[in-house]
N, C-alpha and C. Protein backbone atom coordinates (compact mmCIF):
# COMPACT_ATOMS: atom_id res chain seq x y z
N MET A 1 -7.49 11.55 -67.84
CA MET A 1 -7.71 10.28 -67.15
C MET A 1 -8.05 9.22 -68.18
N ASP A 2 -7.28 8.16 -68.20
CA ASP A 2 -7.57 7.02 -69.05
C ASP A 2 -8.57 6.13 -68.30
N PHE A 3 -9.80 6.12 -68.78
CA PHE A 3 -10.89 5.43 -68.09
C PHE A 3 -10.54 3.98 -67.77
N ARG A 4 -10.10 3.24 -68.78
CA ARG A 4 -9.85 1.82 -68.59
C ARG A 4 -8.77 1.57 -67.54
N ASP A 5 -7.66 2.22 -67.68
CA ASP A 5 -6.57 2.01 -66.73
C ASP A 5 -6.94 2.44 -65.32
N THR A 6 -7.57 3.58 -65.20
CA THR A 6 -7.94 4.08 -63.88
C THR A 6 -8.90 3.12 -63.19
N TYR A 7 -10.00 2.79 -63.85
CA TYR A 7 -11.00 1.97 -63.20
C TYR A 7 -10.57 0.51 -63.08
N PHE A 8 -9.82 0.01 -64.04
CA PHE A 8 -9.33 -1.36 -63.92
C PHE A 8 -8.44 -1.50 -62.68
N ASN A 9 -7.54 -0.55 -62.48
CA ASN A 9 -6.65 -0.60 -61.32
C ASN A 9 -7.42 -0.50 -60.01
N ILE A 10 -8.45 0.32 -59.98
CA ILE A 10 -9.26 0.44 -58.76
C ILE A 10 -10.00 -0.86 -58.49
N TRP A 11 -10.66 -1.41 -59.50
CA TRP A 11 -11.38 -2.68 -59.33
C TRP A 11 -10.44 -3.79 -58.88
N LYS A 12 -9.26 -3.86 -59.50
CA LYS A 12 -8.30 -4.91 -59.15
C LYS A 12 -7.81 -4.75 -57.72
N SER A 13 -7.52 -3.54 -57.32
CA SER A 13 -7.08 -3.29 -55.94
C SER A 13 -8.16 -3.69 -54.95
N ALA A 14 -9.40 -3.32 -55.25
CA ALA A 14 -10.51 -3.67 -54.37
C ALA A 14 -10.72 -5.18 -54.33
N TRP A 15 -10.63 -5.82 -55.49
CA TRP A 15 -10.76 -7.29 -55.57
C TRP A 15 -9.68 -7.97 -54.72
N ASP A 16 -8.43 -7.52 -54.86
CA ASP A 16 -7.33 -8.11 -54.11
C ASP A 16 -7.53 -7.92 -52.61
N PHE A 17 -8.01 -6.76 -52.21
CA PHE A 17 -8.29 -6.48 -50.80
C PHE A 17 -9.36 -7.44 -50.28
N HIS A 18 -10.45 -7.58 -51.03
CA HIS A 18 -11.54 -8.46 -50.62
C HIS A 18 -11.05 -9.90 -50.52
N LYS A 19 -10.31 -10.34 -51.51
CA LYS A 19 -9.80 -11.71 -51.53
C LYS A 19 -8.86 -11.94 -50.35
N GLN A 20 -8.05 -10.96 -50.00
CA GLN A 20 -7.09 -11.09 -48.90
C GLN A 20 -7.78 -11.38 -47.57
N PHE A 21 -8.95 -10.78 -47.37
CA PHE A 21 -9.59 -10.89 -46.06
C PHE A 21 -10.88 -11.70 -46.05
N ALA A 22 -11.26 -12.27 -47.15
CA ALA A 22 -12.54 -12.98 -47.26
C ALA A 22 -12.65 -14.17 -46.32
N ASP A 23 -11.55 -14.84 -46.04
CA ASP A 23 -11.59 -16.04 -45.20
C ASP A 23 -11.05 -15.83 -43.79
N MET A 24 -11.02 -14.60 -43.35
CA MET A 24 -10.46 -14.35 -42.02
C MET A 24 -11.37 -14.92 -40.93
N ALA A 25 -10.78 -15.17 -39.78
CA ALA A 25 -11.52 -15.74 -38.66
C ALA A 25 -12.27 -14.68 -37.86
N GLY A 26 -11.97 -13.41 -38.09
CA GLY A 26 -12.70 -12.34 -37.41
C GLY A 26 -12.13 -11.95 -36.06
N THR A 27 -10.85 -12.23 -35.84
CA THR A 27 -10.24 -11.82 -34.58
C THR A 27 -10.04 -10.31 -34.56
N ASP A 28 -9.83 -9.78 -33.37
CA ASP A 28 -9.60 -8.34 -33.24
C ASP A 28 -8.37 -7.91 -34.03
N LYS A 29 -7.32 -8.74 -33.99
CA LYS A 29 -6.09 -8.42 -34.72
C LYS A 29 -6.35 -8.39 -36.22
N GLU A 30 -7.14 -9.34 -36.72
CA GLU A 30 -7.47 -9.35 -38.15
C GLU A 30 -8.28 -8.12 -38.53
N TRP A 31 -9.25 -7.75 -37.72
CA TRP A 31 -10.05 -6.57 -38.02
C TRP A 31 -9.20 -5.31 -37.99
N GLU A 32 -8.24 -5.27 -37.08
CA GLU A 32 -7.33 -4.12 -37.03
C GLU A 32 -6.54 -4.03 -38.34
N THR A 33 -6.09 -5.17 -38.84
CA THR A 33 -5.35 -5.20 -40.10
C THR A 33 -6.26 -4.77 -41.25
N VAL A 34 -7.50 -5.24 -41.26
CA VAL A 34 -8.46 -4.86 -42.30
C VAL A 34 -8.65 -3.35 -42.31
N VAL A 35 -8.87 -2.77 -41.15
CA VAL A 35 -9.10 -1.32 -41.06
C VAL A 35 -7.87 -0.55 -41.51
N ASN A 36 -6.70 -0.96 -41.04
CA ASN A 36 -5.47 -0.26 -41.42
C ASN A 36 -5.21 -0.38 -42.92
N THR A 37 -5.38 -1.57 -43.46
CA THR A 37 -5.14 -1.78 -44.89
C THR A 37 -6.12 -0.98 -45.73
N SER A 38 -7.38 -0.98 -45.33
CA SER A 38 -8.38 -0.24 -46.10
C SER A 38 -8.08 1.26 -46.08
N GLY A 39 -7.66 1.76 -44.94
CA GLY A 39 -7.30 3.18 -44.84
C GLY A 39 -6.12 3.53 -45.73
N GLU A 40 -5.13 2.64 -45.76
CA GLU A 40 -3.96 2.87 -46.62
C GLU A 40 -4.36 2.87 -48.10
N MET A 41 -5.24 1.95 -48.46
CA MET A 41 -5.67 1.88 -49.87
C MET A 41 -6.38 3.15 -50.29
N VAL A 42 -7.31 3.60 -49.49
CA VAL A 42 -8.06 4.81 -49.82
C VAL A 42 -7.12 6.01 -49.85
N GLU A 43 -6.20 6.06 -48.91
CA GLU A 43 -5.26 7.19 -48.84
C GLU A 43 -4.40 7.28 -50.10
N ARG A 44 -4.05 6.13 -50.71
CA ARG A 44 -3.25 6.14 -51.94
C ARG A 44 -3.96 6.87 -53.08
N TYR A 45 -5.28 6.92 -53.04
CA TYR A 45 -6.05 7.55 -54.12
C TYR A 45 -6.48 8.97 -53.79
N LYS A 46 -6.13 9.44 -52.61
CA LYS A 46 -6.52 10.79 -52.22
C LYS A 46 -5.98 11.79 -53.24
N ASN A 47 -6.83 12.72 -53.64
CA ASN A 47 -6.50 13.76 -54.62
C ASN A 47 -6.16 13.20 -56.00
N LYS A 48 -6.64 11.99 -56.29
CA LYS A 48 -6.44 11.39 -57.61
C LYS A 48 -7.80 11.01 -58.19
N PRO A 49 -7.84 10.85 -59.51
CA PRO A 49 -9.10 10.39 -60.12
C PRO A 49 -9.48 9.01 -59.55
N GLY A 50 -10.74 8.85 -59.27
CA GLY A 50 -11.22 7.57 -58.77
C GLY A 50 -11.24 7.46 -57.26
N TYR A 51 -10.85 8.52 -56.55
CA TYR A 51 -10.81 8.48 -55.08
C TYR A 51 -12.16 8.11 -54.49
N ALA A 52 -13.21 8.79 -54.92
CA ALA A 52 -14.55 8.52 -54.37
C ALA A 52 -15.01 7.11 -54.70
N PHE A 53 -14.66 6.65 -55.89
CA PHE A 53 -15.03 5.30 -56.30
C PHE A 53 -14.30 4.26 -55.45
N MET A 54 -13.01 4.43 -55.24
CA MET A 54 -12.25 3.50 -54.40
C MET A 54 -12.81 3.49 -52.99
N LYS A 55 -13.11 4.65 -52.47
CA LYS A 55 -13.65 4.76 -51.12
C LYS A 55 -14.99 4.01 -51.02
N ALA A 56 -15.84 4.17 -52.03
CA ALA A 56 -17.13 3.49 -52.04
C ALA A 56 -16.96 1.98 -52.13
N LEU A 57 -16.03 1.52 -52.96
CA LEU A 57 -15.80 0.07 -53.07
C LEU A 57 -15.28 -0.50 -51.76
N ILE A 58 -14.35 0.18 -51.14
CA ILE A 58 -13.79 -0.30 -49.88
C ILE A 58 -14.88 -0.34 -48.81
N LEU A 59 -15.72 0.67 -48.75
CA LEU A 59 -16.81 0.66 -47.77
C LEU A 59 -17.78 -0.51 -48.03
N ALA A 60 -18.06 -0.78 -49.29
CA ALA A 60 -18.93 -1.92 -49.63
C ALA A 60 -18.28 -3.23 -49.22
N ILE A 61 -16.99 -3.36 -49.43
CA ILE A 61 -16.28 -4.58 -49.05
C ILE A 61 -16.25 -4.73 -47.53
N LEU A 62 -16.01 -3.65 -46.83
CA LEU A 62 -16.02 -3.71 -45.36
C LEU A 62 -17.39 -4.15 -44.86
N ASP A 63 -18.44 -3.63 -45.47
CA ASP A 63 -19.80 -4.03 -45.11
C ASP A 63 -20.00 -5.53 -45.35
N GLU A 64 -19.52 -6.02 -46.46
CA GLU A 64 -19.65 -7.44 -46.77
C GLU A 64 -18.84 -8.31 -45.81
N LEU A 65 -17.61 -7.90 -45.50
CA LEU A 65 -16.80 -8.65 -44.55
C LEU A 65 -17.47 -8.71 -43.19
N GLU A 66 -18.07 -7.60 -42.77
CA GLU A 66 -18.78 -7.57 -41.49
C GLU A 66 -20.01 -8.47 -41.52
N ARG A 67 -20.75 -8.44 -42.62
CA ARG A 67 -21.94 -9.28 -42.75
C ARG A 67 -21.57 -10.76 -42.66
N VAL A 68 -20.53 -11.15 -43.37
CA VAL A 68 -20.08 -12.55 -43.37
C VAL A 68 -19.57 -12.94 -41.98
N ASP A 69 -18.86 -12.04 -41.32
CA ASP A 69 -18.35 -12.32 -39.98
C ASP A 69 -19.49 -12.53 -38.99
N LYS A 70 -20.51 -11.69 -39.05
CA LYS A 70 -21.66 -11.84 -38.16
C LYS A 70 -22.39 -13.15 -38.42
N GLN A 71 -22.53 -13.50 -39.68
CA GLN A 71 -23.17 -14.76 -40.05
C GLN A 71 -22.36 -15.95 -39.51
N ARG A 72 -21.06 -15.88 -39.65
CA ARG A 72 -20.19 -16.94 -39.13
C ARG A 72 -20.31 -17.05 -37.61
N GLN A 73 -20.35 -15.92 -36.93
CA GLN A 73 -20.49 -15.92 -35.48
C GLN A 73 -21.81 -16.54 -35.05
N LYS A 74 -22.89 -16.24 -35.76
CA LYS A 74 -24.19 -16.83 -35.45
C LYS A 74 -24.14 -18.34 -35.58
N GLN A 75 -23.51 -18.82 -36.65
CA GLN A 75 -23.39 -20.26 -36.87
C GLN A 75 -22.58 -20.90 -35.74
N GLU A 76 -21.51 -20.25 -35.34
CA GLU A 76 -20.70 -20.78 -34.24
C GLU A 76 -21.48 -20.80 -32.95
N ASP A 77 -22.25 -19.75 -32.69
CA ASP A 77 -23.07 -19.68 -31.46
C ASP A 77 -24.11 -20.79 -31.46
N LYS A 78 -24.74 -21.05 -32.60
CA LYS A 78 -25.73 -22.13 -32.67
C LYS A 78 -25.06 -23.48 -32.44
N GLY A 79 -23.88 -23.66 -32.98
CA GLY A 79 -23.16 -24.92 -32.79
C GLY A 79 -22.76 -25.12 -31.34
N ASN A 80 -22.41 -24.04 -30.65
CA ASN A 80 -22.05 -24.12 -29.23
C ASN A 80 -23.25 -24.38 -28.35
N GLU A 81 -24.43 -23.91 -28.75
CA GLU A 81 -25.66 -24.15 -27.98
C GLU A 81 -26.04 -25.63 -27.98
N LYS A 82 -25.76 -26.31 -29.07
CA LYS A 82 -26.13 -27.71 -29.20
C LYS A 82 -25.25 -28.63 -28.36
N LYS A 83 -24.11 -28.14 -27.94
CA LYS A 83 -23.16 -28.98 -27.19
C LYS A 83 -23.50 -29.08 -25.75
């Protein structure tokens, strides 16, 4: 296993995934795409070096996307209360 190539590719894939969904509106269809895409990404590394690392990064990104979505929803709810 070439450390640099293996981990660089994992970090880049995770970064691209995060960037792809960072500005989503949080619709059910978008979340379905997020879940499907994340599953495909992890599956590509199954039985390969870095599988556990990719899985951990994807889970961390999913957690962050969910946190941001909940925060956005709270802001929207507060804005709707004022109207």
